[in-house]
Amino acid sequence: MKKLFITLVAVLAMTFSAKAQFYAGGSIGLSAFSANGHTSSSFTLNPELGYDFNDKIAAGALVELAGSPFAFTVNPYLRWKFAKVNSSKFFTDIMGTIGTSNDTFIWGISLKPGILFDITKKVSFVTRIAAIGFQGAGGETAFNLNLFNGASIGVFYHF
């Protein structure tokens, strides 16, 4: 058991010493929508962890904590960075959603484009600006196209 633990610690140490592959951070967002004469808005807090496999592909997950109505979701994603201009990287996330809102199970899958701005070698500014995909809640499924609803801004630290 000791050998397994020491081997695991050594592998993790080598992984963390690799070239800036892990990142952690978070973002905040604001959503507003109107349906059936009722307007609602929600503030979100999104802590996030991820791993860059190379310059084009990354994977990670964010936890979304939203209020009014309260929602808690886990959102794993696969990121494709398709263009780079100076210190800016344009990407799209293929993101899943699993969680709960007011005791109702919610799920979804969407494409969420965004932009990463490298402020330093270790710090990046990130924004996601849109979402297109399917979402389900309470036995109903809907196709969504949200251009700015649910946009978020945040910061990542690269290890």
C-alpha atoms as a PDB file:
ATOM      1  CA  MET A   1       0.000   0.000   0.000  1.00  0.00           C
ATOM      2  CA  LYS A   2       2.888   2.357   0.818  1.00  0.00           C
ATOM      3  CA  LYS A   3       4.473   1.722  -2.580  1.00  0.00           C
ATOM      4  CA  LEU A   4       1.197   2.495  -4.349  1.00  0.00           C
ATOM      5  CA  PHE A   5       0.786   5.734  -2.393  1.00  0.00           C
ATOM      6  CA  ILE A   6       4.402   6.836  -3.060  1.00  0.00           C
ATOM      7  CA  THR A   7       4.006   6.028  -6.767  1.00  0.00           C
ATOM      8  CA  LEU A   8       0.752   8.001  -6.923  1.00  0.00           C
ATOM      9  CA  VAL A   9       2.369  11.011  -5.204  1.00  0.00           C
ATOM     10  CA  ALA A  10       5.344  10.850  -7.611  1.00  0.00           C
ATOM     11  CA  VAL A  11       3.064  10.721 -10.669  1.00  0.00           C
ATOM     12  CA  LEU A  12       1.013  13.664  -9.373  1.00  0.00           C
ATOM     13  CA  ALA A  13       4.191  15.659  -8.649  1.00  0.00           C
ATOM     14  CA  MET A  14       5.458  15.071 -12.198  1.00  0.00           C
ATOM     15  CA  THR A  15       2.065  15.993 -13.623  1.00  0.00           C
ATOM     16  CA  PHE A  16       1.912  19.265 -11.683  1.00  0.00           C
ATOM     17  CA  SER A  17       5.465  20.170 -12.686  1.00  0.00           C
ATOM     18  CA  ALA A  18       4.581  19.823 -16.385  1.00  0.00           C
ATOM     19  CA  LYS A  19       4.187  22.903 -18.579  1.00  0.00           C
ATOM     20  CA  ALA A  20       1.114  24.908 -17.381  1.00  0.00           C
ATOM     21  CA  GLN A  21      -1.470  22.218 -17.999  1.00  0.00           C
ATOM     22  CA  PHE A  22      -3.870  22.532 -15.093  1.00  0.00           C
ATOM     23  CA  TYR A  23      -5.954  25.627 -14.545  1.00  0.00           C
ATOM     24  CA  ALA A  24      -8.348  26.756 -11.853  1.00  0.00           C
ATOM     25  CA  GLY A  25     -10.497  29.803 -11.478  1.00  0.00           C
ATOM     26  CA  GLY A  26     -14.024  30.853 -11.939  1.00  0.00           C
ATOM     27  CA  SER A  27     -16.458  33.254 -13.439  1.00  0.00           C
ATOM     28  CA  ILE A  28     -19.569  35.200 -12.643  1.00  0.00           C
ATOM     29  CA  GLY A  29     -22.567  35.662 -14.867  1.00  0.00           C
ATOM     30  CA  LEU A  30     -25.962  37.236 -15.115  1.00  0.00           C
ATOM     31  CA  SER A  31     -28.989  35.734 -16.854  1.00  0.00           C
ATOM     32  CA  ALA A  32     -32.378  37.285 -17.539  1.00  0.00           C
ATOM     33  CA  PHE A  33     -35.366  35.906 -19.410  1.00  0.00           C
ATOM     34  CA  SER A  34     -39.008  36.578 -19.957  1.00  0.00           C
ATOM     35  CA  ALA A  35     -41.727  34.013 -20.621  1.00  0.00           C
ATOM     36  CA  ASN A  36     -45.504  34.118 -20.342  1.00  0.00           C
ATOM     37  CA  GLY A  37     -45.430  37.695 -19.067  1.00  0.00           C
ATOM     38  CA  HIS A  38     -43.031  36.785 -16.244  1.00  0.00           C
ATOM     39  CA  THR A  39     -39.506  38.218 -16.182  1.00  0.00           C
ATOM     40  CA  SER A  40     -36.773  36.544 -14.153  1.00  0.00           C
ATOM     41  CA  SER A  41     -33.077  37.166 -13.615  1.00  0.00           C
ATOM     42  CA  SER A  42     -30.335  35.116 -12.001  1.00  0.00           C
ATOM     43  CA  PHE A  43     -26.791  35.745 -10.804  1.00  0.00           C
ATOM     44  CA  THR A  44     -24.343  32.829 -11.141  1.00  0.00           C
ATOM     45  CA  LEU A  45     -21.060  31.924  -9.508  1.00  0.00           C
ATOM     46  CA  ASN A  46     -19.012  29.320 -11.406  1.00  0.00           C
ATOM     47  CA  PRO A  47     -15.856  27.802  -9.840  1.00  0.00           C
ATOM     48  CA  GLU A  48     -13.942  25.852 -12.502  1.00  0.00           C
ATOM     49  CA  LEU A  49     -11.072  23.347 -12.911  1.00  0.00           C
ATOM     50  CA  GLY A  50      -9.539  22.163 -16.166  1.00  0.00           C
ATOM     51  CA  TYR A  51      -6.623  20.527 -17.955  1.00  0.00           C
ATOM     52  CA  ASP A  52      -4.985  21.552 -21.240  1.00  0.00           C
ATOM     53  CA  PHE A  53      -4.026  18.443 -23.216  1.00  0.00           C
ATOM     54  CA  ASN A  54      -2.290  20.579 -25.856  1.00  0.00           C
ATOM     55  CA  ASP A  55      -2.646  24.022 -27.501  1.00  0.00           C
ATOM     56  CA  LYS A  56      -5.996  23.080 -29.080  1.00  0.00           C
ATOM     57  CA  ILE A  57      -7.828  20.704 -26.713  1.00  0.00           C
ATOM     58  CA  ALA A  58      -8.752  21.040 -23.028  1.00  0.00           C
ATOM     59  CA  ALA A  59     -11.252  19.415 -20.693  1.00  0.00           C
ATOM     60  CA  GLY A  60     -12.709  20.593 -17.447  1.00  0.00           C
ATOM     61  CA  ALA A  61     -15.759  21.120 -15.336  1.00  0.00           C
ATOM     62  CA  LEU A  62     -17.480  24.020 -13.696  1.00  0.00           C
ATOM     63  CA  VAL A  63     -20.010  24.083 -10.927  1.00  0.00           C
ATOM     64  CA  GLU A  64     -22.781  26.611 -11.414  1.00  0.00           C
ATOM     65  CA  LEU A  65     -24.415  28.092  -8.347  1.00  0.00           C
ATOM     66  CA  ALA A  66     -27.343  30.308  -9.266  1.00  0.00           C
ATOM     67  CA  GLY A  67     -29.957  32.118  -7.259  1.00  0.00           C
ATOM     68  CA  SER A  68     -33.520  33.218  -7.906  1.00  0.00           C
ATOM     69  CA  PRO A  69     -34.484  30.416  -8.529  1.00  0.00           C
ATOM     70  CA  PHE A  70     -31.696  28.485  -6.787  1.00  0.00           C
ATOM     71  CA  ALA A  71     -29.912  26.044  -9.077  1.00  0.00           C
ATOM     72  CA  PHE A  72     -26.899  23.797  -8.638  1.00  0.00           C
ATOM     73  CA  THR A  73     -25.379  22.161 -11.701  1.00  0.00           C
ATOM     74  CA  VAL A  74     -22.188  20.344 -12.629  1.00  0.00           C
ATOM     75  CA  ASN A  75     -21.062  21.151 -16.162  1.00  0.00           C
ATOM     76  CA  PRO A  76     -18.258  19.003 -17.650  1.00  0.00           C
ATOM     77  CA  TYR A  77     -16.879  20.236 -20.964  1.00  0.00           C
ATOM     78  CA  LEU A  78     -14.483  19.544 -23.787  1.00  0.00           C
ATOM     79  CA  ARG A  79     -12.857  22.720 -25.154  1.00  0.00           C
ATOM     80  CA  TRP A  80     -11.589  23.250 -28.687  1.00  0.00           C
ATOM     81  CA  LYS A  81      -9.385  26.326 -29.186  1.00  0.00           C
ATOM     82  CA  PHE A  82      -9.818  26.947 -32.896  1.00  0.00           C
ATOM     83  CA  ALA A  83      -8.025  30.283 -33.446  1.00  0.00           C
ATOM     84  CA  LYS A  84      -5.295  32.357 -31.846  1.00  0.00           C
ATOM     85  CA  VAL A  85      -4.677  36.062 -32.418  1.00  0.00           C
ATOM     86  CA  ASN A  86      -1.750  37.483 -30.411  1.00  0.00           C
ATOM     87  CA  SER A  87      -2.555  36.644 -26.765  1.00  0.00           C
ATOM     88  CA  SER A  88      -6.238  35.836 -27.451  1.00  0.00           C
ATOM     89  CA  LYS A  89      -7.595  32.336 -28.041  1.00  0.00           C
ATOM     90  CA  PHE A  90     -11.063  31.753 -29.482  1.00  0.00           C
ATOM     91  CA  PHE A  91     -12.742  28.567 -28.293  1.00  0.00           C
ATOM     92  CA  THR A  92     -15.957  26.653 -28.063  1.00  0.00           C
ATOM     93  CA  ASP A  93     -16.950  24.358 -25.230  1.00  0.00           C
ATOM     94  CA  ILE A  94     -19.097  21.292 -25.766  1.00  0.00           C
ATOM     95  CA  MET A  95     -20.718  21.360 -22.342  1.00  0.00           C
ATOM     96  CA  GLY A  96     -23.018  19.005 -20.519  1.00  0.00           C
ATOM     97  CA  THR A  97     -25.286  20.081 -17.669  1.00  0.00           C
ATOM     98  CA  ILE A  98     -26.593  17.930 -14.833  1.00  0.00           C
ATOM     99  CA  GLY A  99     -28.193  19.380 -11.738  1.00  0.00           C
ATOM    100  CA  THR A 100     -31.216  20.619  -9.896  1.00  0.00           C
ATOM    101  CA  SER A 101     -33.288  23.784  -9.794  1.00  0.00           C
ATOM    102  CA  ASN A 102     -36.080  24.165  -7.228  1.00  0.00           C
ATOM    103  CA  ASP A 103     -36.130  20.376  -6.655  1.00  0.00           C
ATOM    104  CA  THR A 104     -36.465  19.724 -10.418  1.00  0.00           C
ATOM    105  CA  PHE A 105     -33.810  17.652 -12.219  1.00  0.00           C
ATOM    106  CA  ILE A 106     -32.268  19.572 -15.129  1.00  0.00           C
ATOM    107  CA  TRP A 107     -29.963  18.397 -17.896  1.00  0.00           C
ATOM    108  CA  GLY A 108     -28.575  19.793 -21.097  1.00  0.00           C
ATOM    109  CA  ILE A 109     -25.914  19.785 -23.763  1.00  0.00           C
ATOM    110  CA  SER A 110     -24.729  22.914 -25.497  1.00  0.00           C
ATOM    111  CA  LEU A 111     -22.029  24.690 -27.461  1.00  0.00           C
ATOM    112  CA  LYS A 112     -20.654  27.732 -25.642  1.00  0.00           C
ATOM    113  CA  PRO A 113     -18.162  29.890 -27.549  1.00  0.00           C
ATOM    114  CA  GLY A 114     -15.793  32.224 -25.769  1.00  0.00           C
ATOM    115  CA  ILE A 115     -12.478  34.025 -25.720  1.00  0.00           C
ATOM    116  CA  LEU A 116      -9.403  33.551 -23.502  1.00  0.00           C
ATOM    117  CA  PHE A 117      -7.066  36.527 -23.071  1.00  0.00           C
ATOM    118  CA  ASP A 118      -3.631  35.680 -21.641  1.00  0.00           C
ATOM    119  CA  ILE A 119      -2.800  38.490 -19.209  1.00  0.00           C
ATOM    120  CA  THR A 120       0.455  36.790 -18.108  1.00  0.00           C
ATOM    121  CA  LYS A 121       1.892  33.310 -18.601  1.00  0.00           C
ATOM    122  CA  LYS A 122      -0.025  32.163 -15.518  1.00  0.00           C
ATOM    123  CA  VAL A 123      -3.207  34.289 -15.571  1.00  0.00           C
ATOM    124  CA  SER A 124      -5.952  34.388 -18.216  1.00  0.00           C
ATOM    125  CA  PHE A 125      -9.175  36.340 -18.514  1.00  0.00           C
ATOM    126  CA  VAL A 126     -12.083  34.300 -19.951  1.00  0.00           C
ATOM    127  CA  THR A 127     -15.501  35.177 -21.263  1.00  0.00           C
ATOM    128  CA  ARG A 128     -18.273  32.989 -22.636  1.00  0.00           C
ATOM    129  CA  ILE A 129     -20.770  34.881 -24.746  1.00  0.00           C
ATOM    130  CA  ALA A 130     -23.485  32.549 -25.979  1.00  0.00           C
ATOM    131  CA  ALA A 131     -25.072  29.129 -25.763  1.00  0.00           C
ATOM    132  CA  ILE A 132     -26.831  26.948 -28.288  1.00  0.00           C
ATOM    133  CA  GLY A 133     -28.187  23.529 -27.397  1.00  0.00           C
ATOM    134  CA  PHE A 134     -30.843  21.414 -25.733  1.00  0.00           C
ATOM    135  CA  GLN A 135     -32.037  21.652 -22.167  1.00  0.00           C
ATOM    136  CA  GLY A 136     -34.491  19.541 -20.233  1.00  0.00           C
ATOM    137  CA  ALA A 137     -36.312  20.075 -16.953  1.00  0.00           C
ATOM    138  CA  GLY A 138     -39.365  18.470 -15.402  1.00  0.00           C
ATOM    139  CA  GLY A 139     -39.976  16.125 -18.327  1.00  0.00           C
ATOM    140  CA  GLU A 140     -39.850  18.916 -20.942  1.00  0.00           C
ATOM    141  CA  THR A 141     -37.092  19.465 -23.502  1.00  0.00           C
ATOM    142  CA  ALA A 142     -36.315  22.706 -25.306  1.00  0.00           C
ATOM    143  CA  PHE A 143     -33.879  23.959 -27.941  1.00  0.00           C
ATOM    144  CA  ASN A 144     -32.119  27.130 -26.783  1.00  0.00           C
ATOM    145  CA  LEU A 145     -30.251  29.868 -28.628  1.00  0.00           C
ATOM    146  CA  ASN A 146     -29.040  32.453 -26.132  1.00  0.00           C
ATOM    147  CA  LEU A 147     -26.738  35.053 -27.636  1.00  0.00           C
ATOM    148  CA  PHE A 148     -25.930  37.097 -24.530  1.00  0.00           C
ATOM    149  CA  ASN A 149     -28.183  35.573 -21.892  1.00  0.00           C
ATOM    150  CA  GLY A 150     -25.927  33.666 -19.515  1.00  0.00           C
ATOM    151  CA  ALA A 151     -22.744  35.425 -20.634  1.00  0.00           C
ATOM    152  CA  SER A 152     -19.974  35.229 -18.052  1.00  0.00           C
ATOM    153  CA  ILE A 153     -16.563  36.702 -17.297  1.00  0.00           C
ATOM    154  CA  GLY A 154     -13.829  35.189 -15.169  1.00  0.00           C
ATOM    155  CA  VAL A 155     -10.172  34.567 -14.436  1.00  0.00           C
ATOM    156  CA  PHE A 156      -8.019  31.394 -14.626  1.00  0.00           C
ATOM    157  CA  TYR A 157      -4.707  30.640 -12.948  1.00  0.00           C
ATOM    158  CA  HIS A 158      -2.529  28.150 -14.861  1.00  0.00           C
ATOM    159  CA  PHE A 159      -0.360  25.821 -12.745  1.00  0.00           C
END
